[in-house]
Amino acid sequence: MKKNGFTLVELLGVIVIMAVIIAIAVAGFNIISKSVKEKSYENKIKYIENMAANYGDATGDSAVFVDTLVKNGYLDADNENGDILDPRDNSLLNCYIVDIYYDNSRRWKNL
C-alpha cells in the first residue's frame, strides 16, 4: 500500500507544536508592547514637564493644567478635540496639574 499523506496523529502533533510557538510569541509581544507604552508614557511626561517649565518661566505661574498648555500652544494635542492622551491606556491627561518648584535657581517639575 502506498502512503500518500499524513496521519491524523502527525497533523495533530504539528498543530500542537504551532500552538505552543504562537502562545510564546504572543506573550513576548505583550511584554514588549507594554514596555514600549511605558517608555512612551515616561517620555510624554518629561515633555509635558518641560513645556510646563517653559510656561512657568514665561508667566511666573507655579502650577498649570495640561489643558492650559494645549490651549496656549505649548503642547500639540493628540487629537482634534485638544486632548493629551496617556499612551498606556488612552486616558486623558488634560486634567492633570503640573507643579513647578524653584529652589536655589533650580527648577523642579512634578506632574
PDB file of N, CA and C in Angstrom:
ATOM      1  N   MET A   1       0.843  -1.169   0.000  1.00  0.00           N
ATOM      2  CA  MET A   1       0.000   0.000   0.000  1.00  0.00           C
ATOM      3  C   MET A   1       0.897   1.244   0.000  1.00  0.00           C
ATOM      4  N   LYS A   2       0.561   2.168  -0.840  1.00  0.00           N
ATOM      5  CA  LYS A   2       1.340   3.394  -0.985  1.00  0.00           C
ATOM      6  C   LYS A   2       0.786   4.464  -0.046  1.00  0.00           C
ATOM      7  N   LYS A   3       1.696   5.126   0.693  1.00  0.00           N
ATOM      8  CA  LYS A   3       1.285   6.172   1.650  1.00  0.00           C
ATOM      9  C   LYS A   3       1.328   7.524   0.931  1.00  0.00           C
ATOM     10  N   ASN A   4       0.185   8.220   0.844  1.00  0.00           N
ATOM     11  CA  ASN A   4       0.098   9.493   0.110  1.00  0.00           C
ATOM     12  C   ASN A   4      -0.011  10.719   0.990  1.00  0.00           C
ATOM     13  N   GLY A   5      -0.247  10.615   2.270  1.00  0.00           N
ATOM     14  CA  GLY A   5      -0.484  11.783   3.107  1.00  0.00           C
ATOM     15  C   GLY A   5      -0.010  11.574   4.528  1.00  0.00           C
ATOM     16  N   PHE A   6      -0.397  12.514   5.375  1.00  0.00           N
ATOM     17  CA  PHE A   6      -0.024  12.460   6.786  1.00  0.00           C
ATOM     18  C   PHE A   6      -1.135  11.792   7.575  1.00  0.00           C
ATOM     19  N   THR A   7      -0.740  11.195   8.682  1.00  0.00           N
ATOM     20  CA  THR A   7      -1.743  10.596   9.552  1.00  0.00           C
ATOM     21  C   THR A   7      -2.347  11.674  10.448  1.00  0.00           C
ATOM     22  N   LEU A   8      -3.453  11.335  11.039  1.00  0.00           N
ATOM     23  CA  LEU A   8      -4.124  12.276  11.928  1.00  0.00           C
ATOM     24  C   LEU A   8      -3.238  12.639  13.123  1.00  0.00           C
ATOM     25  N   VAL A   9      -2.508  11.689  13.633  1.00  0.00           N
ATOM     26  CA  VAL A   9      -1.618  11.925  14.775  1.00  0.00           C
ATOM     27  C   VAL A   9      -0.512  12.904  14.393  1.00  0.00           C
ATOM     28  N   GLU A  10       0.050  12.752  13.214  1.00  0.00           N
ATOM     29  CA  GLU A  10       1.096  13.673  12.753  1.00  0.00           C
ATOM     30  C   GLU A  10       0.553  15.094  12.602  1.00  0.00           C
ATOM     31  N   LEU A  11      -0.620  15.229  12.040  1.00  0.00           N
ATOM     32  CA  LEU A  11      -1.232  16.558  11.883  1.00  0.00           C
ATOM     33  C   LEU A  11      -1.533  17.200  13.239  1.00  0.00           C
ATOM     34  N   LEU A  12      -2.054  16.415  14.164  1.00  0.00           N
ATOM     35  CA  LEU A  12      -2.329  16.953  15.498  1.00  0.00           C
ATOM     36  C   LEU A  12      -1.041  17.363  16.208  1.00  0.00           C
ATOM     37  N   GLY A  13       0.017  16.595  16.031  1.00  0.00           N
ATOM     38  CA  GLY A  13       1.308  16.950  16.614  1.00  0.00           C
ATOM     39  C   GLY A  13       1.820  18.283  16.082  1.00  0.00           C
ATOM     40  N   VAL A  14       1.711  18.506  14.780  1.00  0.00           N
ATOM     41  CA  VAL A  14       2.137  19.775  14.178  1.00  0.00           C
ATOM     42  C   VAL A  14       1.279  20.930  14.700  1.00  0.00           C
ATOM     43  N   ILE A  15      -0.009  20.714  14.829  1.00  0.00           N
ATOM     44  CA  ILE A  15      -0.909  21.770  15.334  1.00  0.00           C
ATOM     45  C   ILE A  15      -0.554  22.128  16.775  1.00  0.00           C
ATOM     46  N   VAL A  16      -0.268  21.145  17.594  1.00  0.00           N
ATOM     47  CA  VAL A  16       0.102  21.405  18.991  1.00  0.00           C
ATOM     48  C   VAL A  16       1.413  22.184  19.060  1.00  0.00           C
ATOM     49  N   ILE A  17       2.389  21.782  18.267  1.00  0.00           N
ATOM     50  CA  ILE A  17       3.675  22.500  18.258  1.00  0.00           C
ATOM     51  C   ILE A  17       3.484  23.941  17.807  1.00  0.00           C
ATOM     52  N   MET A  18       2.683  24.158  16.775  1.00  0.00           N
ATOM     53  CA  MET A  18       2.424  25.521  16.295  1.00  0.00           C
ATOM     54  C   MET A  18       1.698  26.343  17.354  1.00  0.00           C
ATOM     55  N   ALA A  19       0.759  25.729  18.068  1.00  0.00           N
ATOM     56  CA  ALA A  19       0.035  26.452  19.116  1.00  0.00           C
ATOM     57  C   ALA A  19       0.978  26.898  20.229  1.00  0.00           C
ATOM     58  N   VAL A  20       1.924  26.049  20.604  1.00  0.00           N
ATOM     59  CA  VAL A  20       2.895  26.413  21.639  1.00  0.00           C
ATOM     60  C   VAL A  20       3.771  27.570  21.162  1.00  0.00           C
ATOM     61  N   ILE A  21       4.232  27.507  19.938  1.00  0.00           N
ATOM     62  CA  ILE A  21       5.074  28.584  19.387  1.00  0.00           C
ATOM     63  C   ILE A  21       4.300  29.894  19.329  1.00  0.00           C
ATOM     64  N   ILE A  22       3.058  29.857  18.904  1.00  0.00           N
ATOM     65  CA  ILE A  22       2.234  31.071  18.832  1.00  0.00           C
ATOM     66  C   ILE A  22       1.986  31.636  20.222  1.00  0.00           C
ATOM     67  N   ALA A  23       1.719  30.790  21.203  1.00  0.00           N
ATOM     68  CA  ALA A  23       1.491  31.260  22.575  1.00  0.00           C
ATOM     69  C   ALA A  23       2.729  31.966  23.120  1.00  0.00           C
ATOM     70  N   ILE A  24       3.904  31.419  22.849  1.00  0.00           N
ATOM     71  CA  ILE A  24       5.146  32.063  23.305  1.00  0.00           C
ATOM     72  C   ILE A  24       5.338  33.401  22.598  1.00  0.00           C
ATOM     73  N   ALA A  25       5.047  33.458  21.307  1.00  0.00           N
ATOM     74  CA  ALA A  25       5.206  34.696  20.545  1.00  0.00           C
ATOM     75  C   ALA A  25       4.250  35.788  21.036  1.00  0.00           C
ATOM     76  N   VAL A  26       3.017  35.411  21.304  1.00  0.00           N
ATOM     77  CA  VAL A  26       2.032  36.397  21.782  1.00  0.00           C
ATOM     78  C   VAL A  26       2.429  36.931  23.153  1.00  0.00           C
ATOM     79  N   ALA A  27       2.884  36.069  24.030  1.00  0.00           N
ATOM     80  CA  ALA A  27       3.319  36.509  25.365  1.00  0.00           C
ATOM     81  C   ALA A  27       4.501  37.468  25.244  1.00  0.00           C
ATOM     82  N   GLY A  28       5.459  37.144  24.392  1.00  0.00           N
ATOM     83  CA  GLY A  28       6.603  38.028  24.185  1.00  0.00           C
ATOM     84  C   GLY A  28       6.190  39.357  23.599  1.00  0.00           C
ATOM     85  N   PHE A  29       5.266  39.335  22.659  1.00  0.00           N
ATOM     86  CA  PHE A  29       4.774  40.567  22.060  1.00  0.00           C
ATOM     87  C   PHE A  29       4.099  41.455  23.099  1.00  0.00           C
ATOM     88  N   ASN A  30       3.294  40.858  23.968  1.00  0.00           N
ATOM     89  CA  ASN A  30       2.608  41.639  25.000  1.00  0.00           C
ATOM     90  C   ASN A  30       3.595  42.291  25.965  1.00  0.00           C
ATOM     91  N   ILE A  31       4.643  41.586  26.322  1.00  0.00           N
ATOM     92  CA  ILE A  31       5.653  42.147  27.228  1.00  0.00           C
ATOM     93  C   ILE A  31       6.367  43.310  26.559  1.00  0.00           C
ATOM     94  N   ILE A  32       6.754  43.136  25.318  1.00  0.00           N
ATOM     95  CA  ILE A  32       7.452  44.203  24.585  1.00  0.00           C
ATOM     96  C   ILE A  32       6.526  45.397  24.372  1.00  0.00           C
ATOM     97  N   SER A  33       5.275  45.137  24.031  1.00  0.00           N
ATOM     98  CA  SER A  33       4.311  46.208  23.808  1.00  0.00           C
ATOM     99  C   SER A  33       4.101  47.033  25.077  1.00  0.00           C
ATOM    100  N   LYS A  34       3.980  46.375  26.208  1.00  0.00           N
ATOM    101  CA  LYS A  34       3.796  47.072  27.479  1.00  0.00           C
ATOM    102  C   LYS A  34       5.020  47.921  27.803  1.00  0.00           C
ATOM    103  N   SER A  35       6.196  47.398  27.550  1.00  0.00           N
ATOM    104  CA  SER A  35       7.434  48.134  27.809  1.00  0.00           C
ATOM    105  C   SER A  35       7.528  49.384  26.936  1.00  0.00           C
ATOM    106  N   VAL A  36       7.164  49.252  25.677  1.00  0.00           N
ATOM    107  CA  VAL A  36       7.203  50.396  24.755  1.00  0.00           C
ATOM    108  C   VAL A  36       6.194  51.458  25.183  1.00  0.00           C
ATOM    109  N   LYS A  37       5.004  51.045  25.575  1.00  0.00           N
ATOM    110  CA  LYS A  37       3.988  52.005  26.016  1.00  0.00           C
ATOM    111  C   LYS A  37       4.428  52.722  27.289  1.00  0.00           C
ATOM    112  N   GLU A  38       5.054  52.011  28.209  1.00  0.00           N
ATOM    113  CA  GLU A  38       5.526  52.624  29.456  1.00  0.00           C
ATOM    114  C   GLU A  38       6.622  53.650  29.174  1.00  0.00           C
ATOM    115  N   LYS A  39       7.540  53.325  28.282  1.00  0.00           N
ATOM    116  CA  LYS A  39       8.614  54.253  27.925  1.00  0.00           C
ATOM    117  C   LYS A  39       8.037  55.470  27.208  1.00  0.00           C
ATOM    118  N   SER A  40       7.061  55.263  26.356  1.00  0.00           N
ATOM    119  CA  SER A  40       6.406  56.369  25.666  1.00  0.00           C
ATOM    120  C   SER A  40       5.715  57.287  26.666  1.00  0.00           C
ATOM    121  N   TYR A  41       5.075  56.709  27.689  1.00  0.00           N
ATOM    122  CA  TYR A  41       4.428  57.497  28.734  1.00  0.00           C
ATOM    123  C   TYR A  41       5.461  58.338  29.491  1.00  0.00           C
ATOM    124  N   GLU A  42       6.579  57.725  29.870  1.00  0.00           N
ATOM    125  CA  GLU A  42       7.625  58.464  30.587  1.00  0.00           C
ATOM    126  C   GLU A  42       8.153  59.625  29.754  1.00  0.00           C
ATOM    127  N   ASN A  43       8.356  59.403  28.462  1.00  0.00           N
ATOM    128  CA  ASN A  43       8.835  60.469  27.582  1.00  0.00           C
ATOM    129  C   ASN A  43       7.808  61.590  27.452  1.00  0.00           C
ATOM    130  N   LYS A  44       6.535  61.218  27.376  1.00  0.00           N
ATOM    131  CA  LYS A  44       5.485  62.236  27.261  1.00  0.00           C
ATOM    132  C   LYS A  44       5.410  63.077  28.536  1.00  0.00           C
ATOM    133  N   ILE A  45       5.547  62.439  29.691  1.00  0.00           N
ATOM    134  CA  ILE A  45       5.517  63.170  30.966  1.00  0.00           C
ATOM    135  C   ILE A  45       6.690  64.138  31.047  1.00  0.00           C
ATOM    136  N   LYS A  46       7.868  63.695  30.642  1.00  0.00           N
ATOM    137  CA  LYS A  46       9.035  64.588  30.652  1.00  0.00           C
ATOM    138  C   LYS A  46       8.816  65.783  29.728  1.00  0.00           C
ATOM    139  N   TYR A  47       8.244  65.524  28.563  1.00  0.00           N
ATOM    140  CA  TYR A  47       7.974  66.608  27.618  1.00  0.00           C
ATOM    141  C   TYR A  47       6.952  67.588  28.196  1.00  0.00           C
ATOM    142  N   ILE A  48       5.891  67.066  28.796  1.00  0.00           N
ATOM    143  CA  ILE A  48       4.879  67.933  29.411  1.00  0.00           C
ATOM    144  C   ILE A  48       5.506  68.767  30.524  1.00  0.00           C
ATOM    145  N   GLU A  49       6.346  68.149  31.336  1.00  0.00           N
ATOM    146  CA  GLU A  49       7.004  68.883  32.422  1.00  0.00           C
ATOM    147  C   GLU A  49       7.904  69.988  31.881  1.00  0.00           C
ATOM    148  N   ASN A  50       8.638  69.719  30.804  1.00  0.00           N
ATOM    149  CA  ASN A  50       9.499  70.741  30.207  1.00  0.00           C
ATOM    150  C   ASN A  50       8.676  71.892  29.633  1.00  0.00           C
ATOM    151  N   MET A  51       7.579  71.578  28.987  1.00  0.00           N
ATOM    152  CA  MET A  51       6.728  72.638  28.430  1.00  0.00           C
ATOM    153  C   MET A  51       6.057  73.429  29.553  1.00  0.00           C
ATOM    154  N   ALA A  52       5.718  72.763  30.649  1.00  0.00           N
ATOM    155  CA  ALA A  52       5.153  73.465  31.800  1.00  0.00           C
ATOM    156  C   ALA A  52       6.191  74.404  32.402  1.00  0.00           C
ATOM    157  N   ALA A  53       7.444  73.981  32.436  1.00  0.00           N
ATOM    158  CA  ALA A  53       8.514  74.843  32.945  1.00  0.00           C
ATOM    159  C   ALA A  53       8.686  76.063  32.046  1.00  0.00           C
ATOM    160  N   ASN A  54       8.601  75.855  30.733  1.00  0.00           N
ATOM    161  CA  ASN A  54       8.671  76.991  29.810  1.00  0.00           C
ATOM    162  C   ASN A  54       7.508  77.951  30.039  1.00  0.00           C
ATOM    163  N   TYR A  55       6.319  77.389  30.239  1.00  0.00           N
ATOM    164  CA  TYR A  55       5.143  78.209  30.530  1.00  0.00           C
ATOM    165  C   TYR A  55       5.335  78.965  31.841  1.00  0.00           C
ATOM    166  N   GLY A  56       5.859  78.279  32.855  1.00  0.00           N
ATOM    167  CA  GLY A  56       6.109  78.923  34.145  1.00  0.00           C
ATOM    168  C   GLY A  56       7.132  80.047  34.033  1.00  0.00           C
ATOM    169  N   ASP A  57       8.172  79.853  33.230  1.00  0.00           N
ATOM    170  CA  ASP A  57       9.166  80.910  33.014  1.00  0.00           C
ATOM    171  C   ASP A  57       8.541  82.121  32.341  1.00  0.00           C
ATOM    172  N   ALA A  58       7.627  81.883  31.399  1.00  0.00           N
ATOM    173  CA  ALA A  58       7.011  82.979  30.654  1.00  0.00           C
ATOM    174  C   ALA A  58       5.966  83.720  31.477  1.00  0.00           C
ATOM    175  N   THR A  59       5.243  83.000  32.334  1.00  0.00           N
ATOM    176  CA  THR A  59       4.125  83.623  33.045  1.00  0.00           C
ATOM    177  C   THR A  59       4.387  83.842  34.528  1.00  0.00           C
ATOM    178  N   GLY A  60       5.354  83.136  35.091  1.00  0.00           N
ATOM    179  CA  GLY A  60       5.612  83.235  36.519  1.00  0.00           C
ATOM    180  C   GLY A  60       4.710  82.357  37.362  1.00  0.00           C
ATOM    181  N   ASP A  61       3.863  81.561  36.724  1.00  0.00           N
ATOM    182  CA  ASP A  61       2.973  80.656  37.453  1.00  0.00           C
ATOM    183  C   ASP A  61       3.773  79.498  38.047  1.00  0.00           C
ATOM    184  N   SER A  62       3.283  78.963  39.152  1.00  0.00           N
ATOM    185  CA  SER A  62       3.958  77.824  39.779  1.00  0.00           C
ATOM    186  C   SER A  62       3.201  76.519  39.574  1.00  0.00           C
ATOM    187  N   ALA A  63       2.049  76.574  38.932  1.00  0.00           N
ATOM    188  CA  ALA A  63       1.276  75.377  38.611  1.00  0.00           C
ATOM    189  C   ALA A  63       0.432  75.674  37.377  1.00  0.00           C
ATOM    190  N   VAL A  64       0.221  74.637  36.583  1.00  0.00           N
ATOM    191  CA  VAL A  64      -0.559  74.820  35.360  1.00  0.00           C
ATOM    192  C   VAL A  64      -1.239  73.503  35.002  1.00  0.00           C
ATOM    193  N   PHE A  65      -2.451  73.601  34.461  1.00  0.00           N
ATOM    194  CA  PHE A  65      -3.140  72.427  33.930  1.00  0.00           C
ATOM    195  C   PHE A  65      -2.531  72.053  32.588  1.00  0.00           C
ATOM    196  N   VAL A  66      -2.515  70.774  32.289  1.00  0.00           N
ATOM    197  CA  VAL A  66      -2.036  70.315  30.988  1.00  0.00           C
ATOM    198  C   VAL A  66      -2.915  70.909  29.890  1.00  0.00           C
ATOM    199  N   ASP A  67      -4.198  71.026  30.146  1.00  0.00           N
ATOM    200  CA  ASP A  67      -5.128  71.613  29.180  1.00  0.00           C
ATOM    201  C   ASP A  67      -4.753  73.057  28.846  1.00  0.00           C
ATOM    202  N   THR A  68      -4.276  73.811  29.841  1.00  0.00           N
ATOM    203  CA  THR A  68      -3.853  75.189  29.610  1.00  0.00           C
ATOM    204  C   THR A  68      -2.638  75.231  28.694  1.00  0.00           C
ATOM    205  N   LEU A  69      -1.749  74.269  28.838  1.00  0.00           N
ATOM    206  CA  LEU A  69      -0.573  74.202  27.961  1.00  0.00           C
ATOM    207  C   LEU A  69      -0.986  73.962  26.515  1.00  0.00           C
ATOM    208  N   VAL A  70      -2.001  73.148  26.317  1.00  0.00           N
ATOM    209  CA  VAL A  70      -2.505  72.891  24.961  1.00  0.00           C
ATOM    210  C   VAL A  70      -3.146  74.155  24.398  1.00  0.00           C
ATOM    211  N   LYS A  71      -3.989  74.802  25.188  1.00  0.00           N
ATOM    212  CA  LYS A  71      -4.711  75.988  24.710  1.00  0.00           C
ATOM    213  C   LYS A  71      -3.782  77.158  24.426  1.00  0.00           C
ATOM    214  N   ASN A  72      -2.647  77.233  25.114  1.00  0.00           N
ATOM    215  CA  ASN A  72      -1.702  78.331  24.894  1.00  0.00           C
ATOM    216  C   ASN A  72      -0.590  77.973  23.907  1.00  0.00           C
ATOM    217  N   GLY A  73      -0.679  76.811  23.287  1.00  0.00           N
ATOM    218  CA  GLY A  73       0.254  76.433  22.240  1.00  0.00           C
ATOM    219  C   GLY A  73       1.570  75.834  22.700  1.00  0.00           C
ATOM    220  N   TYR A  74       1.695  75.501  23.958  1.00  0.00           N
ATOM    221  CA  TYR A  74       2.925  74.884  24.446  1.00  0.00           C
ATOM    222  C   TYR A  74       2.976  73.391  24.128  1.00  0.00           C
ATOM    223  N   LEU A  75       1.814  72.759  23.976  1.00  0.00           N
ATOM    224  CA  LEU A  75       1.726  71.344  23.640  1.00  0.00           C
ATOM    225  C   LEU A  75       0.819  71.166  22.434  1.00  0.00           C
ATOM    226  N   ASP A  76       1.156  70.211  21.588  1.00  0.00           N
ATOM    227  CA  ASP A  76       0.286  69.834  20.483  1.00  0.00           C
ATOM    228  C   ASP A  76      -0.627  68.716  20.956  1.00  0.00           C
ATOM    229  N   ALA A  77      -1.904  68.864  20.655  1.00  0.00           N
ATOM    230  CA  ALA A  77      -2.892  67.870  21.078  1.00  0.00           C
ATOM    231  C   ALA A  77      -2.721  66.582  20.284  1.00  0.00           C
ATOM    232  N   ASP A  78      -3.154  65.482  20.881  1.00  0.00           N
ATOM    233  CA  ASP A  78      -3.076  64.178  20.232  1.00  0.00           C
ATOM    234  C   ASP A  78      -4.235  63.918  19.275  1.00  0.00           C
ATOM    235  N   ASN A  79      -5.309  64.694  19.417  1.00  0.00           N
ATOM    236  CA  ASN A  79      -6.446  64.541  18.505  1.00  0.00           C
ATOM    237  C   ASN A  79      -7.086  65.904  18.259  1.00  0.00           C
ATOM    238  N   GLU A  80      -8.121  65.925  17.432  1.00  0.00           N
ATOM    239  CA  GLU A  80      -8.762  67.193  17.059  1.00  0.00           C
ATOM    240  C   GLU A  80      -9.566  67.814  18.197  1.00  0.00           C
ATOM    241  N   ASN A  81      -9.809  67.073  19.261  1.00  0.00           N
ATOM    242  CA  ASN A  81     -10.547  67.606  20.411  1.00  0.00           C
ATOM    243  C   ASN A  81      -9.655  68.374  21.387  1.00  0.00           C
ATOM    244  N   GLY A  82      -8.360  68.408  21.125  1.00  0.00           N
ATOM    245  CA  GLY A  82      -7.435  69.093  22.023  1.00  0.00           C
ATOM    246  C   GLY A  82      -7.030  68.254  23.218  1.00  0.00           C
ATOM    247  N   ASP A  83      -7.114  66.939  23.083  1.00  0.00           N
ATOM    248  CA  ASP A  83      -6.804  66.041  24.196  1.00  0.00           C
ATOM    249  C   ASP A  83      -5.350  65.590  24.164  1.00  0.00           C
ATOM    250  N   ILE A  84      -4.773  65.436  25.348  1.00  0.00           N
ATOM    251  CA  ILE A  84      -3.479  64.792  25.520  1.00  0.00           C
ATOM    252  C   ILE A  84      -3.796  63.416  26.102  1.00  0.00           C
ATOM    253  N   LEU A  85      -3.357  62.364  25.410  1.00  0.00           N
ATOM    254  CA  LEU A  85      -3.729  61.005  25.790  1.00  0.00           C
ATOM    255  C   LEU A  85      -2.554  60.257  26.404  1.00  0.00           C
ATOM    256  N   ASP A  86      -2.865  59.454  27.408  1.00  0.00           N
ATOM    257  CA  ASP A  86      -1.890  58.559  28.022  1.00  0.00           C
ATOM    258  C   ASP A  86      -1.648  57.405  27.055  1.00  0.00           C
ATOM    259  N   PRO A  87      -0.402  57.190  26.598  1.00  0.00           N
ATOM    260  CA  PRO A  87      -0.160  56.129  25.621  1.00  0.00           C
ATOM    261  C   PRO A  87      -0.390  54.716  26.154  1.00  0.00           C
ATOM    262  N   ARG A  88      -0.453  54.552  27.460  1.00  0.00           N
ATOM    263  CA  ARG A  88      -0.650  53.219  28.020  1.00  0.00           C
ATOM    264  C   ARG A  88      -2.079  52.743  27.877  1.00  0.00           C
ATOM    265  N   ASP A  89      -3.059  53.646  28.088  1.00  0.00           N
ATOM    266  CA  ASP A  89      -4.460  53.223  28.063  1.00  0.00           C
ATOM    267  C   ASP A  89      -5.394  54.233  27.399  1.00  0.00           C
ATOM    268  N   ASN A  90      -4.827  55.261  26.772  1.00  0.00           N
ATOM    269  CA  ASN A  90      -5.580  56.306  26.070  1.00  0.00           C
ATOM    270  C   ASN A  90      -6.509  57.103  26.980  1.00  0.00           C
ATOM    271  N   SER A  91      -6.202  57.185  28.260  1.00  0.00           N
ATOM    272  CA  SER A  91      -6.973  58.040  29.150  1.00  0.00           C
ATOM    273  C   SER A  91      -6.494  59.482  28.986  1.00  0.00           C
ATOM    274  N   LEU A  92      -7.317  60.428  29.411  1.00  0.00           N
ATOM    275  CA  LEU A  92      -6.996  61.847  29.249  1.00  0.00           C
ATOM    276  C   LEU A  92      -6.014  62.327  30.314  1.00  0.00           C
ATOM    277  N   LEU A  93      -5.065  63.148  29.880  1.00  0.00           N
ATOM    278  CA  LEU A  93      -4.122  63.764  30.808  1.00  0.00           C
ATOM    279  C   LEU A  93      -4.394  65.260  30.958  1.00  0.00           C
ATOM    280  N   ASN A  94      -5.418  65.781  30.285  1.00  0.00           N
ATOM    281  CA  ASN A  94      -5.682  67.223  30.291  1.00  0.00           C
ATOM    282  C   ASN A  94      -6.005  67.777  31.670  1.00  0.00           C
ATOM    283  N   CYS A  95      -6.572  66.992  32.542  1.00  0.00           N
ATOM    284  CA  CYS A  95      -6.999  67.495  33.843  1.00  0.00           C
ATOM    285  C   CYS A  95      -5.876  67.467  34.883  1.00  0.00           C
ATOM    286  N   TYR A  96      -4.706  66.965  34.524  1.00  0.00           N
ATOM    287  CA  TYR A  96      -3.588  66.912  35.465  1.00  0.00           C
ATOM    288  C   TYR A  96      -2.968  68.299  35.644  1.00  0.00           C
ATOM    289  N   ILE A  97      -2.484  68.548  36.844  1.00  0.00           N
ATOM    290  CA  ILE A  97      -1.806  69.808  37.158  1.00  0.00           C
ATOM    291  C   ILE A  97      -0.318  69.531  37.266  1.00  0.00           C
ATOM    292  N   VAL A  98       0.474  70.387  36.629  1.00  0.00           N
ATOM    293  CA  VAL A  98       1.925  70.276  36.717  1.00  0.00           C
ATOM    294  C   VAL A  98       2.402  71.354  37.673  1.00  0.00           C
ATOM    295  N   ASP A  99       3.042  70.956  38.758  1.00  0.00           N
ATOM    296  CA  ASP A  99       3.607  71.900  39.725  1.00  0.00           C
ATOM    297  C   ASP A  99       5.046  72.202  39.333  1.00  0.00           C
ATOM    298  N   ILE A 100       5.416  73.462  39.417  1.00  0.00           N
ATOM    299  CA  ILE A 100       6.772  73.881  39.093  1.00  0.00           C
ATOM    300  C   ILE A 100       7.361  74.500  40.350  1.00  0.00           C
ATOM    301  N   TYR A 101       8.432  73.895  40.849  1.00  0.00           N
ATOM    302  CA  TYR A 101       9.077  74.369  42.068  1.00  0.00           C
ATOM    303  C   TYR A 101      10.417  74.996  41.722  1.00  0.00           C
ATOM    304  N   TYR A 102      10.734  76.093  42.393  1.00  0.00           N
ATOM    305  CA  TYR A 102      12.016  76.746  42.208  1.00  0.00           C
ATOM    306  C   TYR A 102      12.775  76.686  43.525  1.00  0.00           C
ATOM    307  N   ASP A 103      13.991  76.195  43.489  1.00  0.00           N
ATOM    308  CA  ASP A 103      14.813  76.076  44.677  1.00  0.00           C
ATOM    309  C   ASP A 103      16.257  76.395  44.299  1.00  0.00           C
ATOM    310  N   ASN A 104      16.776  77.501  44.803  1.00  0.00           N
ATOM    311  CA  ASN A 104      18.153  77.918  44.518  1.00  0.00           C
ATOM    312  C   ASN A 104      18.435  77.957  43.019  1.00  0.00           C
ATOM    313  N   SER A 105      17.567  78.634  42.289  1.00  0.00           N
ATOM    314  CA  SER A 105      17.684  78.808  40.836  1.00  0.00           C
ATOM    315  C   SER A 105      17.586  77.499  40.061  1.00  0.00           C
ATOM    316  N   ARG A 106      17.161  76.474  40.697  1.00  0.00           N
ATOM    317  CA  ARG A 106      16.994  75.194  40.005  1.00  0.00           C
ATOM    318  C   ARG A 106      15.507  74.889  39.906  1.00  0.00           C
ATOM    319  N   ARG A 107      15.076  74.499  38.757  1.00  0.00           N
ATOM    320  CA  ARG A 107      13.661  74.288  38.504  1.00  0.00           C
ATOM    321  C   ARG A 107      13.308  72.818  38.737  1.00  0.00           C
ATOM    322  N   TRP A 108      12.241  72.582  39.500  1.00  0.00           N
ATOM    323  CA  TRP A 108      11.756  71.224  39.761  1.00  0.00           C
ATOM    324  C   TRP A 108      10.342  71.128  39.220  1.00  0.00           C
ATOM    325  N   LYS A 109      10.068  70.058  38.527  1.00  0.00           N
ATOM    326  CA  LYS A 109       8.755  69.878  37.934  1.00  0.00           C
ATOM    327  C   LYS A 109       8.131  68.623  38.512  1.00  0.00           C
ATOM    328  N   ASN A 110       6.833  68.655  38.677  1.00  0.00           N
ATOM    329  CA  ASN A 110       6.144  67.498  39.222  1.00  0.00           C
ATOM    330  C   ASN A 110       4.760  67.413  38.607  1.00  0.00           C
ATOM    331  N   LEU A 111       4.453  66.290  37.971  1.00  0.00           N
ATOM    332  CA  LEU A 111       3.141  66.087  37.374  1.00  0.00           C
ATOM    333  C   LEU A 111       2.330  65.157  38.241  1.00  0.00           C
TER     334      LEU A 111
END
